[in-house]
Amino acid sequence: GNKMAVIAYRITLTNFLTLKLFSTTRTEFIFIKVRW
């Protein structure tokens, strides 16, 4: 049970960081596109 909780936590954290990185990259791309 504890091992599954750690795995679930790591998957959730990875998904959160990936989504945050994607959102940041997309926002910066749109900002640069509008600026230029």
PDB file of N, CA and C in Angstrom:
ATOM      1  N   GLY A   1       0.819  -1.208   0.000  1.00  0.00           N
ATOM      2  CA  GLY A   1       0.000   0.000   0.000  1.00  0.00           C
ATOM      3  C   GLY A   1       0.848   1.250   0.000  1.00  0.00           C
ATOM      4  N   ASN A   2       1.885   1.254   0.829  1.00  0.00           N
ATOM      5  CA  ASN A   2       2.744   2.428   0.898  1.00  0.00           C
ATOM      6  C   ASN A   2       3.496   2.622  -0.412  1.00  0.00           C
ATOM      7  N   LYS A   3       3.932   1.520  -1.006  1.00  0.00           N
ATOM      8  CA  LYS A   3       4.666   1.618  -2.274  1.00  0.00           C
ATOM      9  C   LYS A   3       3.774   2.180  -3.372  1.00  0.00           C
ATOM     10  N   MET A   4       2.514   1.756  -3.383  1.00  0.00           N
ATOM     11  CA  MET A   4       1.580   2.265  -4.384  1.00  0.00           C
ATOM     12  C   MET A   4       1.324   3.751  -4.194  1.00  0.00           C
ATOM     13  N   ALA A   5       1.306   4.192  -2.943  1.00  0.00           N
ATOM     14  CA  ALA A   5       1.083   5.609  -2.668  1.00  0.00           C
ATOM     15  C   ALA A   5       2.261   6.432  -3.179  1.00  0.00           C
ATOM     16  N   VAL A   6       3.467   5.927  -3.001  1.00  0.00           N
ATOM     17  CA  VAL A   6       4.659   6.642  -3.475  1.00  0.00           C
ATOM     18  C   VAL A   6       4.654   6.708  -4.998  1.00  0.00           C
ATOM     19  N   ILE A   7       4.283   5.602  -5.642  1.00  0.00           N
ATOM     20  CA  ILE A   7       4.236   5.576  -7.105  1.00  0.00           C
ATOM     21  C   ILE A   7       3.180   6.556  -7.621  1.00  0.00           C
ATOM     22  N   ALA A   8       2.019   6.541  -6.983  1.00  0.00           N
ATOM     23  CA  ALA A   8       0.944   7.456  -7.393  1.00  0.00           C
ATOM     24  C   ALA A   8       1.374   8.907  -7.190  1.00  0.00           C
ATOM     25  N   TYR A   9       2.089   9.167  -6.094  1.00  0.00           N
ATOM     26  CA  TYR A   9       2.556  10.529  -5.820  1.00  0.00           C
ATOM     27  C   TYR A   9       3.544  10.978  -6.887  1.00  0.00           C
ATOM     28  N   ARG A  10       4.468  10.071  -7.251  1.00  0.00           N
ATOM     29  CA  ARG A  10       5.473  10.431  -8.257  1.00  0.00           C
ATOM     30  C   ARG A  10       4.833  10.660  -9.618  1.00  0.00           C
ATOM     31  N   ILE A  11       3.838   9.841  -9.957  1.00  0.00           N
ATOM     32  CA  ILE A  11       3.149  10.018 -11.246  1.00  0.00           C
ATOM     33  C   ILE A  11       2.409  11.354 -11.261  1.00  0.00           C
ATOM     34  N   THR A  12       1.734  11.658 -10.157  1.00  0.00           N
ATOM     35  CA  THR A  12       1.000  12.919 -10.081  1.00  0.00           C
ATOM     36  C   THR A  12       1.949  14.104 -10.165  1.00  0.00           C
ATOM     37  N   LEU A  13       3.071  14.024  -9.459  1.00  0.00           N
ATOM     38  CA  LEU A  13       4.041  15.110  -9.471  1.00  0.00           C
ATOM     39  C   LEU A  13       4.628  15.286 -10.864  1.00  0.00           C
ATOM     40  N   THR A  14       4.939  14.188 -11.524  1.00  0.00           N
ATOM     41  CA  THR A  14       5.500  14.252 -12.879  1.00  0.00           C
ATOM     42  C   THR A  14       4.495  14.874 -13.844  1.00  0.00           C
ATOM     43  N   ASN A  15       3.235  14.447 -13.743  1.00  0.00           N
ATOM     44  CA  ASN A  15       2.198  15.002 -14.619  1.00  0.00           C
ATOM     45  C   ASN A  15       2.022  16.494 -14.360  1.00  0.00           C
ATOM     46  N   PHE A  16       2.077  16.903 -13.095  1.00  0.00           N
ATOM     47  CA  PHE A  16       1.907  18.311 -12.750  1.00  0.00           C
ATOM     48  C   PHE A  16       3.046  19.146 -13.320  1.00  0.00           C
ATOM     49  N   LEU A  17       4.290  18.652 -13.157  1.00  0.00           N
ATOM     50  CA  LEU A  17       5.441  19.406 -13.660  1.00  0.00           C
ATOM     51  C   LEU A  17       5.427  19.462 -15.182  1.00  0.00           C
ATOM     52  N   THR A  18       5.037  18.358 -15.811  1.00  0.00           N
ATOM     53  CA  THR A  18       4.981  18.343 -17.277  1.00  0.00           C
ATOM     54  C   THR A  18       3.929  19.325 -17.779  1.00  0.00           C
ATOM     55  N   LEU A  19       2.767  19.318 -17.135  1.00  0.00           N
ATOM     56  CA  LEU A  19       1.689  20.216 -17.538  1.00  0.00           C
ATOM     57  C   LEU A  19       2.097  21.672 -17.311  1.00  0.00           C
ATOM     58  N   LYS A  20       2.757  21.936 -16.194  1.00  0.00           N
ATOM     59  CA  LYS A  20       3.190  23.296 -15.889  1.00  0.00           C
ATOM     60  C   LYS A  20       4.236  23.762 -16.896  1.00  0.00           C
ATOM     61  N   LEU A  21       5.160  22.860 -17.237  1.00  0.00           N
ATOM     62  CA  LEU A  21       6.192  23.205 -18.210  1.00  0.00           C
ATOM     63  C   LEU A  21       5.566  23.470 -19.570  1.00  0.00           C
ATOM     64  N   PHE A  22       4.617  22.608 -19.964  1.00  0.00           N
ATOM     65  CA  PHE A  22       3.945  22.781 -21.254  1.00  0.00           C
ATOM     66  C   PHE A  22       3.173  24.095 -21.291  1.00  0.00           C
ATOM     67  N   SER A  23       2.479  24.409 -20.206  1.00  0.00           N
ATOM     68  CA  SER A  23       1.695  25.646 -20.152  1.00  0.00           C
ATOM     69  C   SER A  23       2.605  26.857 -20.226  1.00  0.00           C
ATOM     70  N   THR A  24       3.728  26.805 -19.499  1.00  0.00           N
ATOM     71  CA  THR A  24       4.667  27.927 -19.505  1.00  0.00           C
ATOM     72  C   THR A  24       5.269  28.111 -20.890  1.00  0.00           C
ATOM     73  N   THR A  25       5.654  27.003 -21.515  1.00  0.00           N
ATOM     74  CA  THR A  25       6.252  27.087 -22.847  1.00  0.00           C
ATOM     75  C   THR A  25       5.240  27.631 -23.850  1.00  0.00           C
ATOM     76  N   ARG A  26       4.019  27.172 -23.758  1.00  0.00           N
ATOM     77  CA  ARG A  26       2.981  27.618 -24.673  1.00  0.00           C
ATOM     78  C   ARG A  26       2.689  29.102 -24.479  1.00  0.00           C
ATOM     79  N   THR A  27       2.647  29.546 -23.232  1.00  0.00           N
ATOM     80  CA  THR A  27       2.380  30.955 -22.945  1.00  0.00           C
ATOM     81  C   THR A  27       3.504  31.828 -23.487  1.00  0.00           C
ATOM     82  N   GLU A  28       4.749  31.406 -23.262  1.00  0.00           N
ATOM     83  CA  GLU A  28       5.888  32.177 -23.753  1.00  0.00           C
ATOM     84  C   GLU A  28       5.896  32.200 -25.279  1.00  0.00           C
ATOM     85  N   PHE A  29       5.536  31.072 -25.900  1.00  0.00           N
ATOM     86  CA  PHE A  29       5.503  31.016 -27.360  1.00  0.00           C
ATOM     87  C   PHE A  29       4.472  31.989 -27.913  1.00  0.00           C
ATOM     88  N   ILE A  30       3.297  32.018 -27.309  1.00  0.00           N
ATOM     89  CA  ILE A  30       2.242  32.938 -27.764  1.00  0.00           C
ATOM     90  C   ILE A  30       2.691  34.381 -27.540  1.00  0.00           C
ATOM     91  N   PHE A  31       3.342  34.645 -26.404  1.00  0.00           N
ATOM     92  CA  PHE A  31       3.800  35.995 -26.095  1.00  0.00           C
ATOM     93  C   PHE A  31       4.828  36.447 -27.124  1.00  0.00           C
ATOM     94  N   ILE A  32       5.772  35.554 -27.458  1.00  0.00           N
ATOM     95  CA  ILE A  32       6.802  35.897 -28.438  1.00  0.00           C
ATOM     96  C   ILE A  32       6.167  36.093 -29.814  1.00  0.00           C
ATOM     97  N   LYS A  33       5.212  35.244 -30.150  1.00  0.00           N
ATOM     98  CA  LYS A  33       4.560  35.331 -31.454  1.00  0.00           C
ATOM     99  C   LYS A  33       3.807  36.654 -31.587  1.00  0.00           C
ATOM    100  N   VAL A  34       3.126  37.058 -30.517  1.00  0.00           N
ATOM    101  CA  VAL A  34       2.383  38.315 -30.562  1.00  0.00           C
ATOM    102  C   VAL A  34       3.354  39.500 -30.587  1.00  0.00           C
ATOM    103  N   ARG A  35       4.431  39.379 -29.825  1.00  0.00           N
ATOM    104  CA  ARG A  35       5.393  40.471 -29.731  1.00  0.00           C
ATOM    105  C   ARG A  35       6.087  40.711 -31.074  1.00  0.00           C
ATOM    106  N   TRP A  36       6.399  39.623 -31.767  1.00  0.00           N
ATOM    107  CA  TRP A  36       7.078  39.785 -33.048  1.00  0.00           C
ATOM    108  C   TRP A  36       6.050  39.970 -34.162  1.00  0.00           C
TER     109      TRP A  36
END
